[in-house]
Amino acid sequence: MRRRSAGVWRGRLVRITLVLAALLTLCAAGLSTYVGWSLTHPAKKPLTETPSDYGLAYEKISFPSRDGKISLKGWFLPGAEGTGGKTVIIAHGYSKNRLQDDAHIMPLVQSIIKEGYGVVMFDFRNSGESGGSLTSVGEYEEQDLLGAIDWVKQEHPGRTALLGFSMGASTALLAAAEEPSVASVIADSPFSHLERYLKENLPAWSHLPSFPFTPLILGILPPLVGVHPGLVDVSAAADAVYPRPVLFIHSKDDDKIPSVNSQSMWQAHPDKFEFWETKQAGHVGSYKLFPKAYTEKVLQFLAGNL
């Protein structure tokens, strides 16, 4: 009887363990699905300023993404002495809008305009005033930036440079690789490969332990929302941009995207690429912490490469 009783208890323990494991797996999968959906559908941030708040003239613009699927909104700001056929397109970061408020870039835009460059500021899909509800962190945003380039080519033809922050910096390299009319790129805090980056750093955005959630979230994203992080190879795009010049800006203390992402792309082509590594600026905080030096770097780069 004792042997039979022990066998019954062991069987019950095995069943309970299997049920608990199944419940934990379902909970982890459900939480990963929720977080994956939330990360790819961040709430739009409203615009809180306009260029007129800084004494700048501007016109509202709208254009489609190059694939024609999304309607995008933005501003065109003419250069102080006319555009001179030279335009800088600004690409904002994840969950931000054209103002890139965490970097407080409007004074930088003022400085660029004073040098005579026209500036385009626009919202990626699912951001600001633009259409769409999905944020892919580069895969589809590339089509948005290419749409902005197409608008400039039609309305203000000439030479074009891209200035991007975080996701926008990576997207700028992706778009420049596809569009030979882009003369140069300034990439502030880009990642070099989305899938590899997320495998190592997704907890910074998900606020969940890497195991088991990072592989679950990355596995769920393609069938859930049609996003494929493995396709967003920014390092390969930077190779395709070469020999056109690129200025990488990245803080050594970036807590969201490690500066090694920029460093690795710069080291591949140091004869044409430049790398300015700042300290204690955090993520896309270099301009906010070092506005004078940042402005000088950007204007010097544009003067020689646009």
C-alpha atoms as a PDB file:
ATOM      1  CA  MET A   1       0.000   0.000   0.000  1.00  0.00           C
ATOM      2  CA  ARG A   2       2.814   2.406   0.853  1.00  0.00           C
ATOM      3  CA  ARG A   3       4.502   1.827  -2.519  1.00  0.00           C
ATOM      4  CA  ARG A   4       1.210   2.408  -4.337  1.00  0.00           C
ATOM      5  CA  SER A   5       0.528   5.563  -2.305  1.00  0.00           C
ATOM      6  CA  ALA A   6       4.023   6.907  -3.054  1.00  0.00           C
ATOM      7  CA  GLY A   7       3.510   6.195  -6.759  1.00  0.00           C
ATOM      8  CA  VAL A   8       0.186   8.015  -6.728  1.00  0.00           C
ATOM      9  CA  TRP A   9       1.775  11.066  -5.093  1.00  0.00           C
ATOM     10  CA  ARG A  10       4.639  11.069  -7.551  1.00  0.00           C
ATOM     11  CA  GLY A  11       2.142  10.956 -10.422  1.00  0.00           C
ATOM     12  CA  ARG A  12       0.173  13.835  -8.931  1.00  0.00           C
ATOM     13  CA  LEU A  13       3.372  15.841  -8.439  1.00  0.00           C
ATOM     14  CA  VAL A  14       4.366  15.287 -12.053  1.00  0.00           C
ATOM     15  CA  ARG A  15       0.912  16.393 -13.259  1.00  0.00           C
ATOM     16  CA  ILE A  16       0.940  19.471 -11.015  1.00  0.00           C
ATOM     17  CA  THR A  17       4.433  20.360 -12.230  1.00  0.00           C
ATOM     18  CA  LEU A  18       3.375  20.011 -15.856  1.00  0.00           C
ATOM     19  CA  VAL A  19       0.266  22.126 -15.282  1.00  0.00           C
ATOM     20  CA  LEU A  20       2.276  24.845 -13.531  1.00  0.00           C
ATOM     21  CA  ALA A  21       4.877  24.794 -16.307  1.00  0.00           C
ATOM     22  CA  ALA A  22       2.127  25.118 -18.907  1.00  0.00           C
ATOM     23  CA  LEU A  23       0.543  28.001 -17.001  1.00  0.00           C
ATOM     24  CA  LEU A  24       3.881  29.789 -16.647  1.00  0.00           C
ATOM     25  CA  THR A  25       4.569  29.302 -20.368  1.00  0.00           C
ATOM     26  CA  LEU A  26       1.148  30.703 -21.265  1.00  0.00           C
ATOM     27  CA  CYS A  27       1.670  33.666 -18.940  1.00  0.00           C
ATOM     28  CA  ALA A  28       5.118  34.374 -20.402  1.00  0.00           C
ATOM     29  CA  ALA A  29       3.786  34.075 -23.958  1.00  0.00           C
ATOM     30  CA  GLY A  30       0.822  36.325 -23.154  1.00  0.00           C
ATOM     31  CA  LEU A  31       3.001  38.961 -21.502  1.00  0.00           C
ATOM     32  CA  SER A  32       5.486  38.810 -24.389  1.00  0.00           C
ATOM     33  CA  THR A  33       2.648  39.285 -26.879  1.00  0.00           C
ATOM     34  CA  TYR A  34       1.327  42.277 -24.945  1.00  0.00           C
ATOM     35  CA  VAL A  35       4.755  43.893 -24.629  1.00  0.00           C
ATOM     36  CA  GLY A  36       5.643  43.171 -28.271  1.00  0.00           C
ATOM     37  CA  TRP A  37       2.394  44.790 -29.390  1.00  0.00           C
ATOM     38  CA  SER A  38       2.918  47.761 -27.069  1.00  0.00           C
ATOM     39  CA  LEU A  39       6.493  48.357 -28.255  1.00  0.00           C
ATOM     40  CA  THR A  40       5.407  48.395 -31.893  1.00  0.00           C
ATOM     41  CA  HIS A  41       2.340  50.573 -31.206  1.00  0.00           C
ATOM     42  CA  PRO A  42       3.595  53.409 -28.975  1.00  0.00           C
ATOM     43  CA  ALA A  43       1.180  56.269 -28.390  1.00  0.00           C
ATOM     44  CA  LYS A  44       1.641  59.274 -30.640  1.00  0.00           C
ATOM     45  CA  LYS A  45       3.085  62.364 -28.973  1.00  0.00           C
ATOM     46  CA  PRO A  46       1.385  65.633 -29.906  1.00  0.00           C
ATOM     47  CA  LEU A  47       3.397  68.545 -31.244  1.00  0.00           C
ATOM     48  CA  THR A  48       3.942  71.114 -28.516  1.00  0.00           C
ATOM     49  CA  GLU A  49       5.852  73.741 -30.524  1.00  0.00           C
ATOM     50  CA  THR A  50       6.133  75.119 -34.027  1.00  0.00           C
ATOM     51  CA  PRO A  51       9.052  76.867 -35.747  1.00  0.00           C
ATOM     52  CA  SER A  52       7.245  80.175 -35.277  1.00  0.00           C
ATOM     53  CA  ASP A  53       7.919  79.846 -31.547  1.00  0.00           C
ATOM     54  CA  TYR A  54      11.579  80.319 -32.503  1.00  0.00           C
ATOM     55  CA  GLY A  55      10.960  83.101 -35.006  1.00  0.00           C
ATOM     56  CA  LEU A  56      11.367  80.767 -37.989  1.00  0.00           C
ATOM     57  CA  ALA A  57       9.328  80.809 -41.188  1.00  0.00           C
ATOM     58  CA  TYR A  58       7.903  77.470 -42.288  1.00  0.00           C
ATOM     59  CA  GLU A  59       5.288  75.793 -44.389  1.00  0.00           C
ATOM     60  CA  LYS A  60       3.267  72.719 -43.584  1.00  0.00           C
ATOM     61  CA  ILE A  61       3.932  69.851 -45.965  1.00  0.00           C
ATOM     62  CA  SER A  62       2.502  66.421 -46.597  1.00  0.00           C
ATOM     63  CA  PHE A  63       3.700  63.564 -48.769  1.00  0.00           C
ATOM     64  CA  PRO A  64       3.343  59.797 -49.088  1.00  0.00           C
ATOM     65  CA  SER A  65       5.915  57.257 -48.028  1.00  0.00           C
ATOM     66  CA  ARG A  66       7.791  55.966 -51.051  1.00  0.00           C
ATOM     67  CA  ASP A  67       5.747  52.759 -50.999  1.00  0.00           C
ATOM     68  CA  GLY A  68       2.596  54.916 -51.093  1.00  0.00           C
ATOM     69  CA  LYS A  69       1.049  53.267 -48.028  1.00  0.00           C
ATOM     70  CA  ILE A  70       1.282  56.042 -45.439  1.00  0.00           C
ATOM     71  CA  SER A  71       0.479  59.768 -45.496  1.00  0.00           C
ATOM     72  CA  LEU A  72       3.152  61.771 -43.691  1.00  0.00           C
ATOM     73  CA  LYS A  73       3.105  65.301 -42.250  1.00  0.00           C
ATOM     74  CA  GLY A  74       5.910  67.757 -41.652  1.00  0.00           C
ATOM     75  CA  TRP A  75       7.396  71.209 -42.070  1.00  0.00           C
ATOM     76  CA  PHE A  76       9.717  72.788 -44.583  1.00  0.00           C
ATOM     77  CA  LEU A  77      11.859  75.608 -43.217  1.00  0.00           C
ATOM     78  CA  PRO A  78      13.683  77.680 -45.871  1.00  0.00           C
ATOM     79  CA  GLY A  79      17.291  78.692 -45.355  1.00  0.00           C
ATOM     80  CA  ALA A  80      17.971  82.224 -44.159  1.00  0.00           C
ATOM     81  CA  GLU A  81      19.456  83.211 -47.536  1.00  0.00           C
ATOM     82  CA  GLY A  82      17.390  80.789 -49.576  1.00  0.00           C
ATOM     83  CA  THR A  83      18.018  77.076 -49.729  1.00  0.00           C
ATOM     84  CA  GLY A  84      20.776  77.331 -52.315  1.00  0.00           C
ATOM     85  CA  GLY A  85      19.680  73.899 -53.477  1.00  0.00           C
ATOM     86  CA  LYS A  86      20.851  72.308 -50.205  1.00  0.00           C
ATOM     87  CA  THR A  87      18.440  70.678 -47.761  1.00  0.00           C
ATOM     88  CA  VAL A  88      18.848  68.813 -44.479  1.00  0.00           C
ATOM     89  CA  ILE A  89      16.164  66.244 -43.639  1.00  0.00           C
ATOM     90  CA  ILE A  90      15.807  65.415 -39.939  1.00  0.00           C
ATOM     91  CA  ALA A  91      14.739  61.919 -38.871  1.00  0.00           C
ATOM     92  CA  HIS A  92      13.487  61.529 -35.306  1.00  0.00           C
ATOM     93  CA  GLY A  93      13.805  58.662 -32.856  1.00  0.00           C
ATOM     94  CA  TYR A  94      11.537  55.885 -31.597  1.00  0.00           C
ATOM     95  CA  SER A  95       8.249  57.045 -30.021  1.00  0.00           C
ATOM     96  CA  LYS A  96       9.152  60.708 -30.640  1.00  0.00           C
ATOM     97  CA  ASN A  97       7.966  63.184 -33.258  1.00  0.00           C
ATOM     98  CA  ARG A  98       9.644  65.738 -35.529  1.00  0.00           C
ATOM     99  CA  LEU A  99      10.555  67.920 -32.520  1.00  0.00           C
ATOM    100  CA  GLN A 100      12.790  65.236 -30.940  1.00  0.00           C
ATOM    101  CA  ASP A 101      12.046  66.858 -27.581  1.00  0.00           C
ATOM    102  CA  ASP A 102      14.505  64.759 -25.553  1.00  0.00           C
ATOM    103  CA  ALA A 103      17.362  66.306 -27.553  1.00  0.00           C
ATOM    104  CA  HIS A 104      15.754  69.788 -27.750  1.00  0.00           C
ATOM    105  CA  ILE A 105      16.893  70.278 -31.356  1.00  0.00           C
ATOM    106  CA  MET A 106      15.051  73.461 -32.407  1.00  0.00           C
ATOM    107  CA  PRO A 107      18.016  75.734 -31.556  1.00  0.00           C
ATOM    108  CA  LEU A 108      20.187  73.419 -33.674  1.00  0.00           C
ATOM    109  CA  VAL A 109      17.680  73.776 -36.516  1.00  0.00           C
ATOM    110  CA  GLN A 110      17.957  77.557 -36.135  1.00  0.00           C
ATOM    111  CA  SER A 111      21.724  77.334 -36.567  1.00  0.00           C
ATOM    112  CA  ILE A 112      21.425  75.141 -39.651  1.00  0.00           C
ATOM    113  CA  ILE A 113      18.950  77.543 -41.230  1.00  0.00           C
ATOM    114  CA  LYS A 114      21.173  80.547 -40.500  1.00  0.00           C
ATOM    115  CA  GLU A 115      23.847  78.874 -42.636  1.00  0.00           C
ATOM    116  CA  GLY A 116      21.432  78.935 -45.573  1.00  0.00           C
ATOM    117  CA  TYR A 117      20.290  75.307 -45.596  1.00  0.00           C
ATOM    118  CA  GLY A 118      16.658  74.399 -45.987  1.00  0.00           C
ATOM    119  CA  VAL A 119      15.351  71.958 -43.375  1.00  0.00           C
ATOM    120  CA  VAL A 120      12.642  69.310 -43.543  1.00  0.00           C
ATOM    121  CA  MET A 121      11.209  68.072 -40.246  1.00  0.00           C
ATOM    122  CA  PHE A 122       8.566  65.356 -40.455  1.00  0.00           C
ATOM    123  CA  ASP A 123       6.865  62.633 -38.420  1.00  0.00           C
ATOM    124  CA  PHE A 124       7.491  58.984 -39.169  1.00  0.00           C
ATOM    125  CA  ARG A 125       4.476  56.686 -39.421  1.00  0.00           C
ATOM    126  CA  ASN A 126       2.577  56.297 -36.141  1.00  0.00           C
ATOM    127  CA  SER A 127       4.185  59.504 -34.868  1.00  0.00           C
ATOM    128  CA  GLY A 128       3.036  63.098 -34.418  1.00  0.00           C
ATOM    129  CA  GLU A 129       0.552  64.048 -37.131  1.00  0.00           C
ATOM    130  CA  SER A 130       1.411  61.287 -39.619  1.00  0.00           C
ATOM    131  CA  GLY A 131      -0.773  58.321 -40.429  1.00  0.00           C
ATOM    132  CA  GLY A 132      -0.291  54.693 -39.555  1.00  0.00           C
ATOM    133  CA  SER A 133      -0.440  52.777 -36.283  1.00  0.00           C
ATOM    134  CA  LEU A 134       2.689  50.601 -36.440  1.00  0.00           C
ATOM    135  CA  THR A 135       6.271  51.474 -35.523  1.00  0.00           C
ATOM    136  CA  SER A 136       8.801  48.985 -36.937  1.00  0.00           C
ATOM    137  CA  VAL A 137      12.022  50.713 -35.734  1.00  0.00           C
ATOM    138  CA  GLY A 138      13.492  51.111 -39.204  1.00  0.00           C
ATOM    139  CA  GLU A 139      12.059  48.428 -41.480  1.00  0.00           C
ATOM    140  CA  TYR A 140       9.100  50.485 -42.728  1.00  0.00           C
ATOM    141  CA  GLU A 141      10.319  53.904 -41.573  1.00  0.00           C
ATOM    142  CA  GLU A 142      12.906  53.674 -44.343  1.00  0.00           C
ATOM    143  CA  GLN A 143      10.031  54.089 -46.807  1.00  0.00           C
ATOM    144  CA  ASP A 144       8.907  57.214 -44.934  1.00  0.00           C
ATOM    145  CA  LEU A 145      12.330  58.846 -45.115  1.00  0.00           C
ATOM    146  CA  LEU A 146      12.612  57.927 -48.791  1.00  0.00           C
ATOM    147  CA  GLY A 147       9.243  59.663 -49.258  1.00  0.00           C
ATOM    148  CA  ALA A 148      10.676  62.798 -47.642  1.00  0.00           C
ATOM    149  CA  ILE A 149      13.668  62.601 -49.990  1.00  0.00           C
ATOM    150  CA  ASP A 150      11.291  62.292 -52.945  1.00  0.00           C
ATOM    151  CA  TRP A 151       9.427  65.404 -51.769  1.00  0.00           C
ATOM    152  CA  VAL A 152      12.668  67.400 -51.585  1.00  0.00           C
ATOM    153  CA  LYS A 153      13.779  66.160 -55.008  1.00  0.00           C
ATOM    154  CA  GLN A 154      10.503  67.395 -56.493  1.00  0.00           C
ATOM    155  CA  GLU A 155      10.003  70.654 -54.568  1.00  0.00           C
ATOM    156  CA  HIS A 156      13.570  71.796 -53.799  1.00  0.00           C
ATOM    157  CA  PRO A 157      15.951  69.854 -56.041  1.00  0.00           C
ATOM    158  CA  GLY A 158      19.608  69.934 -55.189  1.00  0.00           C
ATOM    159  CA  ARG A 159      21.896  68.295 -52.664  1.00  0.00           C
ATOM    160  CA  THR A 160      20.453  66.589 -49.592  1.00  0.00           C
ATOM    161  CA  ALA A 161      21.898  65.512 -46.240  1.00  0.00           C
ATOM    162  CA  LEU A 162      20.186  63.435 -43.557  1.00  0.00           C
ATOM    163  CA  LEU A 163      20.409  64.093 -39.820  1.00  0.00           C
ATOM    164  CA  GLY A 164      18.970  61.307 -37.682  1.00  0.00           C
ATOM    165  CA  PHE A 165      18.591  60.497 -34.009  1.00  0.00           C
ATOM    166  CA  SER A 166      18.520  56.948 -32.577  1.00  0.00           C
ATOM    167  CA  MET A 167      16.015  54.995 -34.719  1.00  0.00           C
ATOM    168  CA  GLY A 168      16.074  57.931 -37.128  1.00  0.00           C
ATOM    169  CA  ALA A 169      19.864  57.731 -37.375  1.00  0.00           C
ATOM    170  CA  SER A 170      19.725  54.058 -38.305  1.00  0.00           C
ATOM    171  CA  THR A 171      16.883  54.762 -40.730  1.00  0.00           C
ATOM    172  CA  ALA A 172      18.918  57.566 -42.311  1.00  0.00           C
ATOM    173  CA  LEU A 173      21.693  55.095 -43.135  1.00  0.00           C
ATOM    174  CA  LEU A 174      19.172  52.600 -44.512  1.00  0.00           C
ATOM    175  CA  ALA A 175      17.581  55.264 -46.736  1.00  0.00           C
ATOM    176  CA  ALA A 176      20.912  56.691 -47.914  1.00  0.00           C
ATOM    177  CA  ALA A 177      21.989  53.212 -48.971  1.00  0.00           C
ATOM    178  CA  GLU A 178      18.923  53.049 -51.232  1.00  0.00           C
ATOM    179  CA  GLU A 179      19.005  56.657 -52.462  1.00  0.00           C
ATOM    180  CA  PRO A 180      22.221  57.765 -54.197  1.00  0.00           C
ATOM    181  CA  SER A 181      21.069  61.405 -54.251  1.00  0.00           C
ATOM    182  CA  VAL A 182      21.813  61.660 -50.510  1.00  0.00           C
ATOM    183  CA  ALA A 183      25.166  63.434 -50.255  1.00  0.00           C
ATOM    184  CA  SER A 184      25.958  62.736 -46.594  1.00  0.00           C
ATOM    185  CA  VAL A 185      24.556  61.503 -43.289  1.00  0.00           C
ATOM    186  CA  ILE A 186      24.833  62.611 -39.669  1.00  0.00           C
ATOM    187  CA  ALA A 187      23.879  59.683 -37.421  1.00  0.00           C
ATOM    188  CA  ASP A 188      23.379  60.453 -33.732  1.00  0.00           C
ATOM    189  CA  SER A 189      23.208  57.270 -31.602  1.00  0.00           C
ATOM    190  CA  PRO A 190      22.241  54.621 -34.195  1.00  0.00           C
ATOM    191  CA  PHE A 191      22.087  50.858 -33.707  1.00  0.00           C
ATOM    192  CA  SER A 192      24.052  48.776 -36.220  1.00  0.00           C
ATOM    193  CA  HIS A 193      21.741  45.749 -36.580  1.00  0.00           C
ATOM    194  CA  LEU A 194      18.259  45.718 -35.064  1.00  0.00           C
ATOM    195  CA  GLU A 195      17.932  42.030 -34.230  1.00  0.00           C
ATOM    196  CA  ARG A 196      21.414  41.746 -32.724  1.00  0.00           C
ATOM    197  CA  TYR A 197      20.854  44.966 -30.814  1.00  0.00           C
ATOM    198  CA  LEU A 198      17.516  43.799 -29.412  1.00  0.00           C
ATOM    199  CA  LYS A 199      18.886  40.419 -28.381  1.00  0.00           C
ATOM    200  CA  GLU A 200      21.351  42.231 -26.135  1.00  0.00           C
ATOM    201  CA  ASN A 201      19.382  45.337 -25.140  1.00  0.00           C
ATOM    202  CA  LEU A 202      15.629  44.709 -25.370  1.00  0.00           C
ATOM    203  CA  PRO A 203      15.206  44.817 -21.546  1.00  0.00           C
ATOM    204  CA  ALA A 204      16.068  48.546 -21.713  1.00  0.00           C
ATOM    205  CA  TRP A 205      12.789  49.009 -23.597  1.00  0.00           C
ATOM    206  CA  SER A 206      10.635  46.077 -22.425  1.00  0.00           C
ATOM    207  CA  HIS A 207      11.576  46.374 -18.733  1.00  0.00           C
ATOM    208  CA  LEU A 208      11.462  42.573 -18.564  1.00  0.00           C
ATOM    209  CA  PRO A 209      14.251  40.056 -17.855  1.00  0.00           C
ATOM    210  CA  SER A 210      16.100  38.972 -20.972  1.00  0.00           C
ATOM    211  CA  PHE A 211      15.224  35.321 -20.312  1.00  0.00           C
ATOM    212  CA  PRO A 212      12.717  34.122 -21.302  1.00  0.00           C
ATOM    213  CA  PHE A 213      11.129  37.300 -22.627  1.00  0.00           C
ATOM    214  CA  THR A 214      13.594  38.621 -25.214  1.00  0.00           C
ATOM    215  CA  PRO A 215      13.558  35.460 -27.407  1.00  0.00           C
ATOM    216  CA  LEU A 216       9.794  35.161 -26.946  1.00  0.00           C
ATOM    217  CA  ILE A 217       9.146  38.766 -27.995  1.00  0.00           C
ATOM    218  CA  LEU A 218      11.495  38.551 -30.978  1.00  0.00           C
ATOM    219  CA  GLY A 219       9.848  35.303 -32.057  1.00  0.00           C
ATOM    220  CA  ILE A 220       6.350  36.729 -31.713  1.00  0.00           C
ATOM    221  CA  LEU A 221       6.908  40.018 -33.603  1.00  0.00           C
ATOM    222  CA  PRO A 222       7.022  38.688 -37.198  1.00  0.00           C
ATOM    223  CA  PRO A 223       3.717  36.775 -37.112  1.00  0.00           C
ATOM    224  CA  LEU A 224       2.070  39.239 -34.716  1.00  0.00           C
ATOM    225  CA  VAL A 225       2.688  42.549 -36.505  1.00  0.00           C
ATOM    226  CA  GLY A 226       4.782  41.763 -39.592  1.00  0.00           C
ATOM    227  CA  VAL A 227       7.994  43.295 -38.245  1.00  0.00           C
ATOM    228  CA  HIS A 228      11.276  41.525 -39.052  1.00  0.00           C
ATOM    229  CA  PRO A 229      14.210  42.885 -36.990  1.00  0.00           C
ATOM    230  CA  GLY A 230      16.661  40.580 -38.747  1.00  0.00           C
ATOM    231  CA  LEU A 231      16.141  42.518 -41.984  1.00  0.00           C
ATOM    232  CA  VAL A 232      17.212  45.855 -40.470  1.00  0.00           C
ATOM    233  CA  ASP A 233      20.955  45.565 -41.125  1.00  0.00           C
ATOM    234  CA  VAL A 234      22.252  49.091 -40.669  1.00  0.00           C
ATOM    235  CA  SER A 235      25.911  48.057 -40.775  1.00  0.00           C
ATOM    236  CA  ALA A 236      25.431  46.655 -44.279  1.00  0.00           C
ATOM    237  CA  ALA A 237      23.634  49.869 -45.240  1.00  0.00           C
ATOM    238  CA  ALA A 238      26.572  51.943 -43.977  1.00  0.00           C
ATOM    239  CA  ASP A 239      28.867  49.856 -46.189  1.00  0.00           C
ATOM    240  CA  ALA A 240      26.600  50.719 -49.133  1.00  0.00           C
ATOM    241  CA  VAL A 241      26.649  54.434 -48.252  1.00  0.00           C
ATOM    242  CA  TYR A 242      30.460  54.447 -48.425  1.00  0.00           C
ATOM    243  CA  PRO A 243      32.342  56.331 -49.882  1.00  0.00           C
ATOM    244  CA  ARG A 244      29.836  59.080 -49.155  1.00  0.00           C
ATOM    245  CA  PRO A 245      30.704  60.737 -45.827  1.00  0.00           C
ATOM    246  CA  VAL A 246      28.998  59.904 -42.527  1.00  0.00           C
ATOM    247  CA  LEU A 247      29.420  61.619 -39.165  1.00  0.00           C
ATOM    248  CA  PHE A 248      28.608  59.362 -36.213  1.00  0.00           C
ATOM    249  CA  ILE A 249      27.839  61.012 -32.870  1.00  0.00           C
ATOM    250  CA  HIS A 250      27.395  58.825 -29.805  1.00  0.00           C
ATOM    251  CA  SER A 251      27.823  59.114 -26.062  1.00  0.00           C
ATOM    252  CA  LYS A 252      30.136  56.586 -24.427  1.00  0.00           C
ATOM    253  CA  ASP A 253      27.606  56.476 -21.578  1.00  0.00           C
ATOM    254  CA  ASP A 254      24.533  55.771 -23.727  1.00  0.00           C
ATOM    255  CA  ASP A 255      22.285  53.548 -21.601  1.00  0.00           C
ATOM    256  CA  LYS A 256      19.941  52.611 -24.461  1.00  0.00           C
ATOM    257  CA  ILE A 257      22.171  51.999 -27.508  1.00  0.00           C
ATOM    258  CA  PRO A 258      25.831  51.299 -26.671  1.00  0.00           C
ATOM    259  CA  SER A 259      28.311  53.482 -28.552  1.00  0.00           C
ATOM    260  CA  VAL A 260      30.045  50.390 -29.931  1.00  0.00           C
ATOM    261  CA  ASN A 261      27.231  50.359 -32.515  1.00  0.00           C
ATOM    262  CA  SER A 262      28.519  53.609 -34.049  1.00  0.00           C
ATOM    263  CA  GLN A 263      32.137  52.752 -33.422  1.00  0.00           C
ATOM    264  CA  SER A 264      31.959  49.499 -35.368  1.00  0.00           C
ATOM    265  CA  MET A 265      30.468  51.210 -38.430  1.00  0.00           C
ATOM    266  CA  TRP A 266      32.990  54.049 -38.277  1.00  0.00           C
ATOM    267  CA  GLN A 267      35.928  51.638 -37.977  1.00  0.00           C
ATOM    268  CA  ALA A 268      34.861  49.887 -41.182  1.00  0.00           C
ATOM    269  CA  HIS A 269      35.527  53.066 -43.229  1.00  0.00           C
ATOM    270  CA  PRO A 270      37.563  55.597 -41.201  1.00  0.00           C
ATOM    271  CA  ASP A 271      38.825  57.293 -44.377  1.00  0.00           C
ATOM    272  CA  LYS A 272      35.339  58.683 -45.121  1.00  0.00           C
ATOM    273  CA  PHE A 273      33.438  58.213 -41.880  1.00  0.00           C
ATOM    274  CA  GLU A 274      33.923  60.368 -38.765  1.00  0.00           C
ATOM    275  CA  PHE A 275      33.147  59.470 -35.147  1.00  0.00           C
ATOM    276  CA  TRP A 276      32.632  61.932 -32.315  1.00  0.00           C
ATOM    277  CA  GLU A 277      32.234  60.085 -29.021  1.00  0.00           C
ATOM    278  CA  THR A 278      30.974  62.241 -26.171  1.00  0.00           C
ATOM    279  CA  LYS A 279      30.779  61.397 -22.454  1.00  0.00           C
ATOM    280  CA  GLN A 280      28.050  61.538 -19.810  1.00  0.00           C
ATOM    281  CA  ALA A 281      25.407  62.539 -22.344  1.00  0.00           C
ATOM    282  CA  GLY A 282      23.219  59.430 -22.178  1.00  0.00           C
ATOM    283  CA  HIS A 283      21.024  58.528 -25.136  1.00  0.00           C
ATOM    284  CA  VAL A 284      20.819  61.273 -27.826  1.00  0.00           C
ATOM    285  CA  GLY A 285      21.891  63.763 -25.181  1.00  0.00           C
ATOM    286  CA  SER A 286      25.077  65.044 -26.805  1.00  0.00           C
ATOM    287  CA  TYR A 287      23.500  68.183 -28.268  1.00  0.00           C
ATOM    288  CA  LYS A 288      21.702  69.013 -25.027  1.00  0.00           C
ATOM    289  CA  LEU A 289      24.918  68.645 -23.006  1.00  0.00           C
ATOM    290  CA  PHE A 290      27.346  70.132 -25.537  1.00  0.00           C
ATOM    291  CA  PRO A 291      25.254  72.459 -27.744  1.00  0.00           C
ATOM    292  CA  LYS A 292      28.101  74.679 -28.932  1.00  0.00           C
ATOM    293  CA  ALA A 293      30.502  71.865 -29.802  1.00  0.00           C
ATOM    294  CA  TYR A 294      27.687  69.825 -31.362  1.00  0.00           C
ATOM    295  CA  THR A 295      26.554  72.724 -33.534  1.00  0.00           C
ATOM    296  CA  GLU A 296      30.116  73.413 -34.668  1.00  0.00           C
ATOM    297  CA  LYS A 297      30.631  69.731 -35.563  1.00  0.00           C
ATOM    298  CA  VAL A 298      27.401  69.558 -37.552  1.00  0.00           C
ATOM    299  CA  LEU A 299      27.910  72.836 -39.426  1.00  0.00           C
ATOM    300  CA  GLN A 300      31.525  72.002 -40.216  1.00  0.00           C
ATOM    301  CA  PHE A 301      30.492  68.606 -41.553  1.00  0.00           C
ATOM    302  CA  LEU A 302      27.692  70.077 -43.666  1.00  0.00           C
ATOM    303  CA  ALA A 303      29.981  72.788 -45.039  1.00  0.00           C
ATOM    304  CA  GLY A 304      32.396  70.172 -46.331  1.00  0.00           C
ATOM    305  CA  ASN A 305      29.951  67.466 -47.357  1.00  0.00           C
ATOM    306  CA  LEU A 306      26.729  69.029 -48.634  1.00  0.00           C
END
